[in-house]
PDB file of N, CA and C in Angstrom:
ATOM      1  N   UNK A   1      11.005  -9.219   7.102  1.00  0.00           N
ATOM      2  CA  UNK A   1      10.303  -8.768   7.994  1.00  0.00           C
ATOM      3  C   UNK A   1       9.338  -7.587   7.617  1.00  0.00           C
ATOM      4  N   UNK A   2      10.391  -6.510   6.992  1.00  0.00           N
ATOM      5  CA  UNK A   2       9.542  -5.252   6.644  1.00  0.00           C
ATOM      6  C   UNK A   2       8.749  -5.466   5.084  1.00  0.00           C
ATOM      7  N   UNK A   3       8.611  -6.520   4.342  1.00  0.00           N
ATOM      8  CA  UNK A   3       8.249  -6.837   3.291  1.00  0.00           C
ATOM      9  C   UNK A   3       6.713  -7.490   3.665  1.00  0.00           C
ATOM     10  N   UNK A   4       6.772  -8.243   4.863  1.00  0.00           N
ATOM     11  CA  UNK A   4       5.618  -8.627   5.491  1.00  0.00           C
ATOM     12  C   UNK A   4       4.689  -7.368   5.838  1.00  0.00           C
ATOM     13  N   UNK A   5       5.452  -6.324   6.479  1.00  0.00           N
ATOM     14  CA  UNK A   5       4.690  -5.525   7.117  1.00  0.00           C
ATOM     15  C   UNK A   5       4.140  -4.416   5.771  1.00  0.00           C
ATOM     16  N   UNK A   6       4.996  -4.307   4.987  1.00  0.00           N
ATOM     17  CA  UNK A   6       4.424  -3.466   3.640  1.00  0.00           C
ATOM     18  C   UNK A   6       3.109  -4.176   3.030  1.00  0.00           C
ATOM     19  N   UNK A   7       3.125  -5.575   2.787  1.00  0.00           N
ATOM     20  CA  UNK A   7       2.173  -6.166   2.338  1.00  0.00           C
ATOM     21  C   UNK A   7       1.006  -6.040   3.037  1.00  0.00           C
ATOM     22  N   UNK A   8       1.028  -6.284   4.461  1.00  0.00           N
ATOM     23  CA  UNK A   8      -0.036  -6.192   5.125  1.00  0.00           C
ATOM     24  C   UNK A   8      -0.632  -4.616   5.126  1.00  0.00           C
ATOM     25  N   UNK A   9       0.390  -3.870   4.988  1.00  0.00           N
ATOM     26  CA  UNK A   9      -0.447  -2.095   5.020  1.00  0.00           C
ATOM     27  C   UNK A   9      -0.703  -1.880   3.827  1.00  0.00           C
ATOM     28  N   UNK A  10      -0.203  -2.488   2.728  1.00  0.00           N
ATOM     29  CA  UNK A  10      -0.851  -2.403   1.460  1.00  0.00           C
ATOM     30  C   UNK A  10      -2.369  -2.913   1.552  1.00  0.00           C
ATOM     31  N   UNK A  11      -2.659  -4.025   1.793  1.00  0.00           N
ATOM     32  CA  UNK A  11      -3.940  -4.602   1.962  1.00  0.00           C
ATOM     33  C   UNK A  11      -4.855  -3.727   2.996  1.00  0.00           C
ATOM     34  N   UNK A  12      -4.074  -3.213   4.012  1.00  0.00           N
ATOM     35  CA  UNK A  12      -5.041  -2.504   4.623  1.00  0.00           C
ATOM     36  C   UNK A  12      -5.537  -0.887   4.150  1.00  0.00           C
ATOM     37  N   UNK A  13      -4.601  -0.398   3.376  1.00  0.00           N
ATOM     38  CA  UNK A  13      -5.079   0.775   2.616  1.00  0.00           C
ATOM     39  C   UNK A  13      -5.895   0.369   1.588  1.00  0.00           C
ATOM     40  N   UNK A  14      -5.889  -0.728   0.744  1.00  0.00           N
ATOM     41  CA  UNK A  14      -6.643  -0.645  -0.146  1.00  0.00           C
ATOM     42  C   UNK A  14      -8.196  -1.244   0.463  1.00  0.00           C
ATOM     43  N   UNK A  15      -8.134  -1.616   1.368  1.00  0.00           N
ATOM     44  CA  UNK A  15      -9.674  -1.762   2.044  1.00  0.00           C
ATOM     45  C   UNK A  15     -10.176  -0.334   2.486  1.00  0.00           C
ATOM     46  N   UNK A  16      -9.262   0.332   3.227  1.00  0.00           N
ATOM     47  CA  UNK A  16      -9.589   1.672   3.618  1.00  0.00           C
ATOM     48  C   UNK A  16      -9.915   2.392   2.388  1.00  0.00           C
ATOM     49  N   UNK A  17      -9.363   2.425   1.355  1.00  0.00           N
ATOM     50  CA  UNK A  17     -10.027   3.249   0.016  1.00  0.00           C
ATOM     51  C   UNK A  17     -11.002   2.612  -0.323  1.00  0.00           C
ATOM     52  N   UNK A  18     -11.519   1.326  -0.128  1.00  0.00           N
ATOM     53  CA  UNK A  18     -12.413   0.794  -0.649  1.00  0.00           C
ATOM     54  C   UNK A  18     -12.300  -0.056  -1.882  1.00  0.00           C
ATOM     55  N   UNK A  19     -10.845  -0.101  -2.490  1.00  0.00           N
ATOM     56  CA  UNK A  19     -10.636  -0.122  -3.793  1.00  0.00           C
ATOM     57  C   UNK A  19     -10.645  -2.084  -3.925  1.00  0.00           C
ATOM     58  N   UNK A  20     -11.161  -2.253  -5.074  1.00  0.00           N
ATOM     59  CA  UNK A  20     -10.861  -3.944  -5.702  1.00  0.00           C
ATOM     60  C   UNK A  20      -9.375  -3.994  -5.688  1.00  0.00           C
ATOM     61  N   UNK A  21      -8.856  -5.202  -5.832  1.00  0.00           N
ATOM     62  CA  UNK A  21      -7.476  -5.474  -6.082  1.00  0.00           C
ATOM     63  C   UNK A  21      -7.154  -4.819  -7.665  1.00  0.00           C
ATOM     64  N   UNK A  22      -7.991  -4.895  -8.436  1.00  0.00           N
ATOM     65  CA  UNK A  22      -8.018  -4.549  -9.822  1.00  0.00           C
ATOM     66  C   UNK A  22      -8.102  -3.244  -9.667  1.00  0.00           C
ATOM     67  N   UNK A  23      -8.929  -2.322  -9.042  1.00  0.00           N
ATOM     68  CA  UNK A  23      -8.665  -0.846  -8.808  1.00  0.00           C
ATOM     69  C   UNK A  23      -7.044  -0.518  -8.092  1.00  0.00           C
ATOM     70  N   UNK A  24      -6.769  -1.219  -7.329  1.00  0.00           N
ATOM     71  CA  UNK A  24      -5.340  -1.045  -7.005  1.00  0.00           C
ATOM     72  C   UNK A  24      -4.311  -1.129  -7.966  1.00  0.00           C
ATOM     73  N   UNK A  25      -4.417  -2.132  -8.460  1.00  0.00           N
ATOM     74  CA  UNK A  25      -3.354  -2.100  -9.771  1.00  0.00           C
ATOM     75  C   UNK A  25      -3.583  -0.948 -10.664  1.00  0.00           C
ATOM     76  N   UNK A  26      -4.959  -0.492 -10.985  1.00  0.00           N
ATOM     77  CA  UNK A  26      -4.751   0.327 -12.060  1.00  0.00           C
ATOM     78  C   UNK A  26      -4.220   2.005 -11.312  1.00  0.00           C
ATOM     79  N   UNK A  27      -4.379   2.148 -10.163  1.00  0.00           N
ATOM     80  CA  UNK A  27      -4.065   3.214  -9.370  1.00  0.00           C
ATOM     81  C   UNK A  27      -2.377   3.151  -9.545  1.00  0.00           C
ATOM     82  N   UNK A  28      -1.853   1.872  -9.366  1.00  0.00           N
ATOM     83  CA  UNK A  28      -0.492   1.789  -9.342  1.00  0.00           C
ATOM     84  C   UNK A  28       0.317   1.856 -10.478  1.00  0.00           C
ATOM     85  N   UNK A  29      -0.801   1.637 -11.770  1.00  0.00           N
ATOM     86  CA  UNK A  29      -0.269   1.128 -13.037  1.00  0.00           C
ATOM     87  C   UNK A  29       0.614  -0.143 -13.107  1.00  0.00           C
ATOM     88  N   UNK A  30      -0.178  -1.064 -12.352  1.00  0.00           N
ATOM     89  CA  UNK A  30       0.889  -2.366 -12.454  1.00  0.00           C
ATOM     90  C   UNK A  30      -0.534  -3.485 -12.818  1.00  0.00           C
ATOM     91  N   UNK A  31      -0.002  -4.641 -13.328  1.00  0.00           N
ATOM     92  CA  UNK A  31      -0.820  -5.662 -13.629  1.00  0.00           C
ATOM     93  C   UNK A  31      -1.141  -6.573 -12.398  1.00  0.00           C
ATOM     94  N   UNK A  32      -2.240  -7.389 -12.520  1.00  0.00           N
ATOM     95  CA  UNK A  32      -2.544  -8.116 -11.452  1.00  0.00           C
ATOM     96  C   UNK A  32      -1.352  -9.278 -11.347  1.00  0.00           C
ATOM     97  N   UNK A  33      -0.814  -9.424 -12.281  1.00  0.00           N
ATOM     98  CA  UNK A  33       0.215 -10.657 -11.909  1.00  0.00           C
ATOM     99  C   UNK A  33       1.434 -10.167 -11.153  1.00  0.00           C
ATOM    100  N   UNK A  34       1.586  -8.809 -11.502  1.00  0.00           N
ATOM    101  CA  UNK A  34       2.650  -7.849 -10.527  1.00  0.00           C
ATOM    102  C   UNK A  34       2.251  -7.871  -8.914  1.00  0.00           C
ATOM    103  N   UNK A  35       1.031  -7.714  -9.040  1.00  0.00           N
ATOM    104  CA  UNK A  35       0.468  -7.699  -7.613  1.00  0.00           C
ATOM    105  C   UNK A  35       0.453  -9.114  -6.895  1.00  0.00           C
ATOM    106  N   UNK A  36       0.328  -9.954  -7.486  1.00  0.00           N
ATOM    107  CA  UNK A  36       0.085 -11.191  -6.900  1.00  0.00           C
ATOM    108  C   UNK A  36       1.467 -11.700  -6.584  1.00  0.00           C
ATOM    109  N   UNK A  37       2.612 -11.106  -7.655  1.00  0.00           N
ATOM    110  CA  UNK A  37       4.090 -11.681  -7.416  1.00  0.00           C
ATOM    111  C   UNK A  37       4.312 -11.113  -6.154  1.00  0.00           C
ATOM    112  N   UNK A  38       3.898  -9.776  -5.973  1.00  0.00           N
ATOM    113  CA  UNK A  38       4.459  -8.930  -4.638  1.00  0.00           C
ATOM    114  C   UNK A  38       3.915  -9.581  -3.397  1.00  0.00           C
ATOM    115  N   UNK A  39       2.557 -10.247  -3.361  1.00  0.00           N
ATOM    116  CA  UNK A  39       2.028 -10.812  -2.549  1.00  0.00           C
ATOM    117  C   UNK A  39       2.344 -12.059  -2.084  1.00  0.00           C
ATOM    118  N   UNK A  40       2.599 -12.733  -3.046  1.00  0.00           N
ATOM    119  CA  UNK A  40       3.279 -14.087  -2.822  1.00  0.00           C
ATOM    120  C   UNK A  40       4.875 -14.290  -2.487  1.00  0.00           C
ATOM    121  N   UNK A  41       5.457 -13.183  -2.357  1.00  0.00           N
ATOM    122  CA  UNK A  41       6.898 -13.257  -2.099  1.00  0.00           C
ATOM    123  C   UNK A  41       7.795 -13.324  -3.416  1.00  0.00           C
ATOM    124  N   UNK A  42       7.278 -13.542  -4.700  1.00  0.00           N
ATOM    125  CA  UNK A  42       8.080 -13.883  -5.501  1.00  0.00           C
ATOM    126  C   UNK A  42       8.730 -12.451  -6.076  1.00  0.00           C
ATOM    127  N   UNK A  43       8.465 -11.357  -5.706  1.00  0.00           N
ATOM    128  CA  UNK A  43       9.203 -10.412  -6.134  1.00  0.00           C
ATOM    129  C   UNK A  43       9.047  -9.249  -5.237  1.00  0.00           C
ATOM    130  N   UNK A  44       9.619  -7.981  -5.482  1.00  0.00           N
ATOM    131  CA  UNK A  44       9.045  -6.783  -4.611  1.00  0.00           C
ATOM    132  C   UNK A  44       9.236  -5.547  -5.276  1.00  0.00           C
ATOM    133  N   UNK A  45       8.336  -4.647  -4.659  1.00  0.00           N
ATOM    134  CA  UNK A  45       8.390  -3.348  -5.544  1.00  0.00           C
ATOM    135  C   UNK A  45       9.538  -2.740  -5.140  1.00  0.00           C
ATOM    136  N   UNK A  46       9.960  -2.291  -6.068  1.00  0.00           N
ATOM    137  CA  UNK A  46      11.212  -1.128  -6.173  1.00  0.00           C
ATOM    138  C   UNK A  46      10.990   0.169  -5.164  1.00  0.00           C
ATOM    139  N   UNK A  47      12.002   0.931  -5.102  1.00  0.00           N
ATOM    140  CA  UNK A  47      11.964   2.154  -4.447  1.00  0.00           C
ATOM    141  C   UNK A  47      10.540   3.232  -4.666  1.00  0.00           C
ATOM    142  N   UNK A  48      10.773   3.396  -6.230  1.00  0.00           N
ATOM    143  CA  UNK A  48       9.861   4.114  -7.069  1.00  0.00           C
ATOM    144  C   UNK A  48       8.631   3.862  -6.610  1.00  0.00           C
ATOM    145  N   UNK A  49       8.178   2.255  -6.999  1.00  0.00           N
ATOM    146  CA  UNK A  49       6.989   1.998  -6.497  1.00  0.00           C
ATOM    147  C   UNK A  49       6.512   2.066  -5.317  1.00  0.00           C
ATOM    148  N   UNK A  50       7.463   2.126  -4.123  1.00  0.00           N
ATOM    149  CA  UNK A  50       6.790   2.347  -3.228  1.00  0.00           C
ATOM    150  C   UNK A  50       6.649   3.342  -2.651  1.00  0.00           C
ATOM    151  N   UNK A  51       7.094   4.632  -2.971  1.00  0.00           N
ATOM    152  CA  UNK A  51       6.778   5.924  -3.307  1.00  0.00           C
ATOM    153  C   UNK A  51       5.484   6.252  -3.969  1.00  0.00           C
ATOM    154  N   UNK A  52       5.361   5.480  -4.893  1.00  0.00           N
ATOM    155  CA  UNK A  52       3.816   5.631  -5.660  1.00  0.00           C
ATOM    156  C   UNK A  52       2.661   4.769  -4.734  1.00  0.00           C
ATOM    157  N   UNK A  53       3.026   3.913  -4.028  1.00  0.00           N
ATOM    158  CA  UNK A  53       2.361   3.232  -3.263  1.00  0.00           C
ATOM    159  C   UNK A  53       1.891   4.285  -2.141  1.00  0.00           C
ATOM    160  N   UNK A  54       3.001   4.947  -1.338  1.00  0.00           N
ATOM    161  CA  UNK A  54       2.508   5.726  -0.590  1.00  0.00           C
ATOM    162  C   UNK A  54       1.816   6.927  -0.742  1.00  0.00           C
ATOM    163  N   UNK A  55       2.256   7.487  -2.070  1.00  0.00           N
ATOM    164  CA  UNK A  55       1.232   8.566  -2.484  1.00  0.00           C
ATOM    165  C   UNK A  55       0.042   8.477  -2.841  1.00  0.00           C
ATOM    166  N   UNK A  56      -0.341   7.298  -3.466  1.00  0.00           N
ATOM    167  CA  UNK A  56      -1.773   6.747  -3.398  1.00  0.00           C
ATOM    168  C   UNK A  56      -2.282   6.418  -2.323  1.00  0.00           C
ATOM    169  N   UNK A  57      -1.913   5.856  -1.155  1.00  0.00           N
ATOM    170  CA  UNK A  57      -2.371   5.907  -0.126  1.00  0.00           C
ATOM    171  C   UNK A  57      -2.510   7.060   0.853  1.00  0.00           C
ATOM    172  N   UNK A  58      -1.775   8.255   0.542  1.00  0.00           N
ATOM    173  CA  UNK A  58      -1.577   9.642   1.158  1.00  0.00           C
ATOM    174  C   UNK A  58      -1.166   9.274   2.382  1.00  0.00           C
ATOM    175  N   UNK A  59       0.065   8.662   2.463  1.00  0.00           N
ATOM    176  CA  UNK A  59       0.829   8.595   3.798  1.00  0.00           C
ATOM    177  C   UNK A  59       2.227   8.741   3.265  1.00  0.00           C
ATOM    178  N   UNK A  60       2.725   9.050   3.922  1.00  0.00           N
ATOM    179  CA  UNK A  60       4.605   9.052   4.141  1.00  0.00           C
ATOM    180  C   UNK A  60       5.119   7.823   4.040  1.00  0.00           C
ATOM    181  N   UNK A  61       6.121   7.404   2.940  1.00  0.00           N
ATOM    182  CA  UNK A  61       6.583   6.412   2.578  1.00  0.00           C
ATOM    183  C   UNK A  61       7.078   5.487   4.079  1.00  0.00           C
ATOM    184  N   UNK A  62       7.684   6.242   5.176  1.00  0.00           N
ATOM    185  CA  UNK A  62       8.236   5.417   6.574  1.00  0.00           C
ATOM    186  C   UNK A  62       6.724   4.939   7.136  1.00  0.00           C
ATOM    187  N   UNK A  63       5.623   5.843   7.173  1.00  0.00           N
ATOM    188  CA  UNK A  63       4.477   5.270   7.790  1.00  0.00           C
ATOM    189  C   UNK A  63       3.828   3.973   7.165  1.00  0.00           C
ATOM    190  N   UNK A  64       4.153   3.903   5.621  1.00  0.00           N
ATOM    191  CA  UNK A  64       3.695   2.679   4.944  1.00  0.00           C
ATOM    192  C   UNK A  64       4.392   1.435   5.208  1.00  0.00           C
ATOM    193  N   UNK A  65       5.725   1.558   5.875  1.00  0.00           N
ATOM    194  CA  UNK A  65       6.325   0.376   6.259  1.00  0.00           C
ATOM    195  C   UNK A  65       6.617   0.261   7.749  1.00  0.00           C
ATOM    196  N   UNK A  66       5.648   0.818   8.632  1.00  0.00           N
ATOM    197  CA  UNK A  66       5.315   0.985   9.889  1.00  0.00           C
ATOM    198  C   UNK A  66       4.302   0.057  10.269  1.00  0.00           C
ATOM    199  N   UNK A  67       4.642  -0.851  11.365  1.00  0.00           N
ATOM    200  CA  UNK A  67       3.813  -1.920  11.937  1.00  0.00           C
ATOM    201  C   UNK A  67       2.547  -1.095  12.605  1.00  0.00           C
ATOM    202  N   UNK A  68       2.879   0.037  13.083  1.00  0.00           N
ATOM    203  CA  UNK A  68       1.598   1.045  13.604  1.00  0.00           C
ATOM    204  C   UNK A  68       0.721   1.650  12.709  1.00  0.00           C
ATOM    205  N   UNK A  69       0.405   1.090  11.335  1.00  0.00           N
ATOM    206  CA  UNK A  69       0.084   1.665  10.419  1.00  0.00           C
ATOM    207  C   UNK A  69      -1.543   2.132  10.573  1.00  0.00           C
ATOM    208  N   UNK A  70      -2.284   1.100  11.755  1.00  0.00           N
ATOM    209  CA  UNK A  70      -3.966   1.711  12.009  1.00  0.00           C
ATOM    210  C   UNK A  70      -3.669   2.863  12.428  1.00  0.00           C
ATOM    211  N   UNK A  71      -2.870   3.423  13.333  1.00  0.00           N
ATOM    212  CA  UNK A  71      -2.750   4.804  13.892  1.00  0.00           C
ATOM    213  C   UNK A  71      -2.911   5.798  12.918  1.00  0.00           C
ATOM    214  N   UNK A  72      -2.112   5.794  11.642  1.00  0.00           N
ATOM    215  CA  UNK A  72      -1.462   6.372  10.529  1.00  0.00           C
ATOM    216  C   UNK A  72      -3.178   6.668   9.753  1.00  0.00           C
ATOM    217  N   UNK A  73      -3.829   5.433   9.526  1.00  0.00           N
ATOM    218  CA  UNK A  73      -5.026   5.232   8.697  1.00  0.00           C
ATOM    219  C   UNK A  73      -6.049   6.379   9.766  1.00  0.00           C
ATOM    220  N   UNK A  74      -6.006   5.834  10.999  1.00  0.00           N
ATOM    221  CA  UNK A  74      -7.121   6.938  11.982  1.00  0.00           C
ATOM    222  C   UNK A  74      -6.857   8.472  11.486  1.00  0.00           C
ATOM    223  N   UNK A  75      -5.571   8.607  11.650  1.00  0.00           N
ATOM    224  CA  UNK A  75      -4.976   9.877  11.653  1.00  0.00           C
ATOM    225  C   UNK A  75      -5.340  10.390  10.186  1.00  0.00           C
ATOM    226  N   UNK A  76      -5.211  10.046   9.209  1.00  0.00           N
ATOM    227  CA  UNK A  76      -5.373  10.190   8.045  1.00  0.00           C
ATOM    228  C   UNK A  76      -7.131  10.494   7.504  1.00  0.00           C
ATOM    229  N   UNK A  77      -7.738   9.675   8.232  1.00  0.00           N
ATOM    230  CA  UNK A  77      -9.208   9.403   7.993  1.00  0.00           C
ATOM    231  C   UNK A  77      -9.657  11.001   8.394  1.00  0.00           C
ATOM    232  N   UNK A  78      -9.333  11.431   9.757  1.00  0.00           N
ATOM    233  CA  UNK A  78      -9.433  12.585  10.251  1.00  0.00           C
ATOM    234  C   UNK A  78      -9.299  14.036   9.486  1.00  0.00           C
ATOM    235  N   UNK A  79      -8.395  13.851   8.650  1.00  0.00           N
ATOM    236  CA  UNK A  79      -7.545  14.946   8.030  1.00  0.00           C
ATOM    237  C   UNK A  79      -8.869  15.735   6.937  1.00  0.00           C
ATOM    238  N   UNK A  80      -8.771  17.014   6.860  1.00  0.00           N
ATOM    239  CA  UNK A  80      -9.967  17.571   6.057  1.00  0.00           C
ATOM    240  C   UNK A  80      -9.590  17.268   4.577  1.00  0.00           C
ATOM    241  N   UNK A  81     -10.521  17.144   3.475  1.00  0.00           N
ATOM    242  CA  UNK A  81     -10.271  16.651   2.397  1.00  0.00           C
ATOM    243  C   UNK A  81     -10.129  17.984   1.484  1.00  0.00           C
TER     244      UNK A  81
END
C-alpha cells in the first residue's frame, strides 16, 4: 500500500515540477529502466533513494509517503522561492 502511495506521489510531483520522465530520471540519477521497474512493481527504491526523491520534490520524506500529498503540494507552491 505504501509503495502504491509513493509511486502516485512521485508521479504527482513529476507533473507538478513539469518534468518529463526522462528529466525525473536525470534529477534522481537513475535510468529509465530503474524508474520503470519501480512503477511496474518489479523493484523498490531504497531509503537513500527515497530521501533523494523527497529532496528533489522539496518535501519531507514522511510527506512523500503520505496519501494527502495534494495538500503538501499546495502548501509547497505557496512558499517563497
